[in-house]
């Protein structure tokens, strides 16, 4: 018997597939830009799986502190810790 994978997307792919069908990925979502210091919200509802952060950060608010390639460095506060996540613009929305 093969052991089941317990990766970050296990038990969640069905929920994401349901949300993806509601919202299609268009050109404006692919080319949007953000300024440094701008408040953003992490959104994982797009059909673009490359660069997706862990689902525990879905809905979190943060601040753009830099840019790395086509992605943005977003700083969030997780209780007392400050974390920096590298997220593509597809998964970000203005807060």
Protein backbone atom coordinates (compact mmCIF):
# COMPACT_ATOMS: atom_id res chain seq x y z
CA UNK A 1 0.00 0.00 0.00
CA UNK A 2 1.29 3.46 -0.89
CA UNK A 3 1.32 6.14 1.79
CA UNK A 4 -0.70 9.25 1.02
CA UNK A 5 1.12 12.52 0.38
CA UNK A 6 0.57 15.17 3.03
CA UNK A 7 1.84 18.24 1.18
CA UNK A 8 0.60 21.79 1.58
CA UNK A 9 -2.23 21.30 -0.93
CA UNK A 10 -3.60 18.00 0.37
CA UNK A 11 -7.28 18.19 1.36
CA UNK A 12 -7.50 21.68 -0.16
CA UNK A 13 -7.35 21.17 -3.92
CA UNK A 14 -11.09 20.53 -4.19
CA UNK A 15 -11.87 23.80 -2.40
CA UNK A 16 -9.48 25.74 -4.62
CA UNK A 17 -10.85 24.12 -7.78
CA UNK A 18 -14.33 25.27 -6.77
CA UNK A 19 -13.14 28.86 -6.24
CA UNK A 20 -11.08 28.89 -9.44
CA UNK A 21 -14.08 28.04 -11.57
CA UNK A 22 -15.80 31.17 -10.21
CA UNK A 23 -12.91 33.45 -11.17
CA UNK A 24 -10.89 33.14 -14.36
CA UNK A 25 -7.38 34.47 -14.73
CA UNK A 26 -7.27 37.47 -17.07
CA UNK A 27 -4.62 39.81 -18.45
CA UNK A 28 -5.23 42.62 -15.90
CA UNK A 29 -4.52 40.21 -13.02
CA UNK A 30 -1.25 39.13 -14.63
CA UNK A 31 0.18 42.61 -15.25
CA UNK A 32 -0.84 44.54 -12.13
CA UNK A 33 1.87 46.36 -10.18
CA UNK A 34 2.25 47.58 -6.63
CA UNK A 35 4.26 50.39 -5.04
CA UNK A 36 6.65 49.97 -2.11
CA UNK A 37 4.87 50.52 1.21
CA UNK A 38 1.45 49.72 -0.24
CA UNK A 39 -0.90 47.56 1.86
CA UNK A 40 -1.92 44.31 0.14
CA UNK A 41 -4.02 41.26 0.94
CA UNK A 42 -2.91 37.72 0.08
CA UNK A 43 -5.48 36.05 -2.17
CA UNK A 44 -5.12 32.46 -3.43
CA UNK A 45 -8.25 32.25 -5.58
CA UNK A 46 -6.54 32.39 -8.97
CA UNK A 47 -5.78 29.41 -11.20
CA UNK A 48 -2.08 30.27 -11.22
CA UNK A 49 -0.40 27.72 -8.94
CA UNK A 50 3.21 28.83 -9.49
CA UNK A 51 4.51 30.75 -6.50
CA UNK A 52 1.43 30.13 -4.40
CA UNK A 53 2.08 30.60 -0.69
CA UNK A 54 0.90 28.22 1.99
CA UNK A 55 -2.90 28.34 2.46
CA UNK A 56 -2.45 29.41 6.10
CA UNK A 57 -1.54 32.90 4.84
CA UNK A 58 -4.74 33.30 2.78
CA UNK A 59 -6.52 36.53 3.67
CA UNK A 60 -3.58 37.99 5.58
CA UNK A 61 -2.73 41.66 5.16
CA UNK A 62 0.80 42.86 4.67
CA UNK A 63 3.01 45.60 3.27
CA UNK A 64 5.07 45.46 0.08
CA UNK A 65 8.71 45.99 1.07
CA UNK A 66 10.50 45.02 -2.14
CA UNK A 67 10.43 43.34 -5.50
CA UNK A 68 12.22 40.17 -6.59
CA UNK A 69 11.91 39.41 -10.28
CA UNK A 70 8.22 39.42 -11.16
CA UNK A 71 7.19 38.76 -7.55
CA UNK A 72 6.87 41.06 -4.53
CA UNK A 73 8.30 40.71 -1.05
CA UNK A 74 5.42 41.12 1.41
CA UNK A 75 6.01 41.57 5.13
CA UNK A 76 3.32 40.20 7.43
CA UNK A 77 3.02 39.96 11.21
CA UNK A 78 2.36 36.48 12.57
CA UNK A 79 1.73 37.01 16.29
CA UNK A 80 5.07 38.44 17.52
CA UNK A 81 7.09 37.29 14.49
CA UNK A 82 7.58 39.34 11.34
CA UNK A 83 7.70 37.23 8.19
CA UNK A 84 8.67 38.09 4.62
CA UNK A 85 6.93 36.16 1.86
CA UNK A 86 7.80 36.23 -1.84
CA UNK A 87 4.50 36.26 -3.73
CA UNK A 88 3.66 36.84 -7.43
CA UNK A 89 1.33 39.76 -8.19
CA UNK A 90 -1.42 37.34 -9.25
CA UNK A 91 -1.93 36.34 -5.62
CA UNK A 92 -2.06 39.90 -4.25
CA UNK A 93 -4.87 42.44 -4.03
CA UNK A 94 -5.01 45.97 -2.67
CA UNK A 95 -6.10 46.03 0.96
